[in-house]
N, C-alpha and C. Protein backbone atom coordinates (compact mmCIF):
# COMPACT_ATOMS: atom_id res chain seq x y z
N THR A 1 32.99 9.28 8.38
CA THR A 1 31.65 8.61 8.15
C THR A 1 30.81 9.46 9.21
N VAL A 2 29.59 9.25 9.03
CA VAL A 2 28.54 9.72 9.94
C VAL A 2 28.72 9.17 11.35
N ALA A 3 29.04 7.94 11.52
CA ALA A 3 29.28 7.46 12.79
C ALA A 3 30.38 8.01 13.61
N ASP A 4 31.46 8.41 12.86
CA ASP A 4 32.65 9.32 13.40
C ASP A 4 32.18 10.57 14.03
N GLU A 5 31.28 11.06 13.25
CA GLU A 5 30.83 12.49 13.78
C GLU A 5 29.68 12.57 14.65
N TRP A 6 29.35 11.45 15.32
CA TRP A 6 28.27 11.34 16.32
C TRP A 6 28.68 12.13 17.56
N VAL A 7 27.57 12.95 17.98
CA VAL A 7 27.81 13.73 19.13
C VAL A 7 27.14 12.89 20.08
N GLU A 8 27.73 12.81 21.34
CA GLU A 8 27.10 12.05 22.46
C GLU A 8 26.06 12.92 23.19
N ASP A 9 26.19 14.11 22.99
CA ASP A 9 25.34 15.17 23.83
C ASP A 9 24.04 15.27 23.05
N VAL A 10 23.59 14.72 22.09
CA VAL A 10 22.43 14.72 21.35
C VAL A 10 21.35 14.09 22.04
N VAL A 11 20.11 14.68 22.50
CA VAL A 11 19.14 14.10 23.19
C VAL A 11 17.81 14.70 22.74
N PRO A 12 16.91 13.92 22.71
CA PRO A 12 15.60 14.38 22.12
C PRO A 12 15.19 15.42 22.84
N VAL A 13 14.39 16.41 22.24
CA VAL A 13 13.98 17.56 22.68
C VAL A 13 12.47 17.38 23.38
N ARG A 14 11.72 16.31 22.63
CA ARG A 14 10.43 15.87 23.04
C ARG A 14 10.28 14.50 22.79
N GLU A 15 9.51 13.98 23.63
CA GLU A 15 9.16 12.40 23.37
C GLU A 15 7.57 12.38 23.48
N LYS A 16 6.96 11.68 22.44
CA LYS A 16 5.69 11.48 22.39
C LYS A 16 5.27 10.00 22.02
N THR A 17 4.25 9.57 22.95
CA THR A 17 3.73 8.38 22.72
C THR A 17 2.57 8.43 21.87
N PHE A 18 2.33 7.17 21.13
CA PHE A 18 0.91 7.20 20.61
C PHE A 18 0.36 5.70 20.42
N SER A 19 -0.84 5.44 20.35
CA SER A 19 -1.27 4.01 19.95
C SER A 19 -1.51 4.04 18.46
N THR A 20 -1.63 2.88 17.94
CA THR A 20 -1.87 2.69 16.47
C THR A 20 -2.66 1.33 16.40
N LYS A 21 -3.54 1.30 15.33
CA LYS A 21 -4.01 -0.02 14.91
C LYS A 21 -3.55 -0.36 13.66
N PRO A 22 -3.30 -1.50 13.26
CA PRO A 22 -2.98 -1.88 11.97
C PRO A 22 -3.56 -1.35 10.63
N MET A 23 -2.99 -0.75 9.84
CA MET A 23 -3.68 -0.28 8.63
C MET A 23 -2.92 -0.15 7.29
N THR A 24 -3.39 0.15 6.39
CA THR A 24 -2.82 0.11 5.03
C THR A 24 -2.03 1.23 4.81
N THR A 25 -1.28 1.31 3.80
CA THR A 25 -0.48 2.56 3.52
C THR A 25 -1.49 3.68 3.05
N GLU A 26 -2.43 3.48 2.30
CA GLU A 26 -3.33 4.41 2.00
C GLU A 26 -3.82 5.09 3.20
N GLU A 27 -4.39 4.18 4.40
CA GLU A 27 -4.95 4.76 5.35
C GLU A 27 -3.88 5.58 6.25
N ALA A 28 -2.71 5.19 6.11
CA ALA A 28 -1.72 6.04 6.80
C ALA A 28 -1.49 7.38 6.20
N ILE A 29 -1.51 7.46 4.86
CA ILE A 29 -1.36 8.60 4.11
C ILE A 29 -2.66 9.58 4.46
N MET A 30 -3.66 8.91 4.46
CA MET A 30 -4.74 9.80 4.81
C MET A 30 -4.67 10.37 6.21
N GLN A 31 -4.37 9.40 7.22
CA GLN A 31 -4.00 9.93 8.54
C GLN A 31 -3.00 10.97 8.65
N MET A 32 -1.79 10.89 7.92
CA MET A 32 -0.89 11.93 7.97
C MET A 32 -1.31 13.27 7.44
N ASN A 33 -2.12 13.10 6.26
CA ASN A 33 -2.63 14.41 5.74
C ASN A 33 -3.77 15.06 6.78
N LEU A 34 -4.54 14.30 7.37
CA LEU A 34 -5.54 14.84 8.26
C LEU A 34 -4.90 15.53 9.40
N LEU A 35 -3.69 14.99 9.77
CA LEU A 35 -2.95 15.52 10.98
C LEU A 35 -2.01 16.58 10.47
N SER A 36 -2.06 17.06 9.16
CA SER A 36 -1.06 18.06 8.70
C SER A 36 0.35 17.72 8.93
N HIS A 37 0.94 16.42 9.09
CA HIS A 37 2.04 16.10 9.32
C HIS A 37 2.98 15.66 8.26
N SER A 38 4.39 15.73 8.25
CA SER A 38 5.00 15.46 7.01
C SER A 38 5.61 14.05 7.03
N PHE A 39 5.28 13.36 8.04
CA PHE A 39 5.44 11.84 8.24
C PHE A 39 4.44 11.17 9.08
N PHE A 40 4.27 9.93 8.96
CA PHE A 40 3.53 9.19 9.85
C PHE A 40 3.82 7.66 10.05
N ALA A 41 4.11 7.38 11.31
CA ALA A 41 4.52 6.01 11.64
C ALA A 41 3.27 5.07 12.01
N TYR A 42 3.16 4.13 11.39
CA TYR A 42 2.07 2.99 11.57
C TYR A 42 2.60 1.55 11.49
N VAL A 43 1.53 0.64 11.86
CA VAL A 43 1.82 -0.77 11.82
C VAL A 43 1.04 -1.07 10.54
N SER A 44 1.74 -1.78 9.73
CA SER A 44 1.20 -2.42 8.37
C SER A 44 0.19 -3.43 8.65
N SER A 45 -0.92 -3.38 8.15
CA SER A 45 -1.92 -4.48 8.19
C SER A 45 -1.51 -5.82 7.47
N ASP A 46 -0.48 -5.53 6.52
CA ASP A 46 -0.02 -6.73 5.87
C ASP A 46 1.14 -7.47 6.55
N THR A 47 2.08 -6.83 6.85
CA THR A 47 3.26 -7.20 7.37
C THR A 47 3.33 -7.18 9.09
N LYS A 48 2.51 -6.51 9.69
CA LYS A 48 2.67 -6.29 11.02
C LYS A 48 3.79 -5.63 11.37
N ALA A 49 4.63 -5.03 10.64
CA ALA A 49 5.85 -4.34 10.96
C ALA A 49 5.56 -2.86 11.11
N VAL A 50 6.34 -1.99 11.77
CA VAL A 50 6.15 -0.64 11.73
C VAL A 50 6.87 -0.12 10.42
N ASN A 51 6.05 0.69 9.77
CA ASN A 51 6.39 1.55 8.55
C ASN A 51 6.35 2.99 8.71
N VAL A 52 6.97 3.83 7.93
CA VAL A 52 6.75 5.22 7.90
C VAL A 52 6.25 5.61 6.49
N VAL A 53 5.31 6.52 6.37
CA VAL A 53 5.10 7.25 5.24
C VAL A 53 5.43 8.77 5.45
N TYR A 54 6.01 9.31 4.27
CA TYR A 54 6.40 10.49 4.51
C TYR A 54 6.01 11.24 3.07
N ARG A 55 6.00 12.74 3.32
CA ARG A 55 5.69 13.62 1.87
C ARG A 55 7.04 13.88 1.33
N ARG A 56 7.05 13.79 0.24
CA ARG A 56 8.37 14.00 -0.54
C ARG A 56 8.47 15.50 -0.90
N ASN A 57 9.61 16.05 -1.01
CA ASN A 57 9.99 17.43 -1.62
C ASN A 57 9.03 17.66 -2.91
N ASP A 58 8.88 16.53 -3.82
CA ASP A 58 8.24 16.83 -5.08
C ASP A 58 6.79 16.77 -5.07
N GLY A 59 6.23 16.51 -3.75
CA GLY A 59 4.87 16.63 -3.59
C GLY A 59 4.27 15.05 -3.53
N GLY A 60 5.10 14.11 -3.67
CA GLY A 60 4.78 12.72 -3.75
C GLY A 60 4.68 12.18 -2.42
N TYR A 61 4.58 10.81 -2.18
CA TYR A 61 4.83 10.20 -0.86
C TYR A 61 5.91 9.17 -1.01
N GLY A 62 6.61 8.87 0.29
CA GLY A 62 7.54 7.91 0.20
C GLY A 62 7.18 6.97 1.44
N LEU A 63 7.89 5.78 1.31
CA LEU A 63 7.54 4.81 2.32
C LEU A 63 8.76 4.09 2.90
N LEU A 64 8.99 4.06 4.14
CA LEU A 64 10.12 3.36 4.68
C LEU A 64 9.72 1.96 5.38
N VAL A 65 10.19 0.96 4.86
CA VAL A 65 9.94 -0.33 5.29
C VAL A 65 11.15 -1.12 5.77
N PRO A 66 11.05 -1.79 7.10
CA PRO A 66 12.19 -2.39 7.64
C PRO A 66 12.51 -3.69 6.56
N GLU A 67 13.67 -3.92 6.71
CA GLU A 67 14.15 -5.29 6.11
C GLU A 67 13.68 -6.40 6.95
N ARG A 68 13.38 -7.58 6.12
CA ARG A 68 12.96 -8.83 6.92
C ARG A 68 14.15 -9.48 7.21
């Protein structure tokens, strides 16, 4: 399993902090595109949870939403 293959020496190369205001998924996609990033973490204005939008290989967009 993936857990069995975990390497304990894995450390982040860089840490970045950011501030965010609650926004819609559409606003988050716009911000991601303005920044030319392949993903964007944001606080959903609907659920107040942290969500992530990302650009898919097929050119579309994906959305990661935490379980409640």
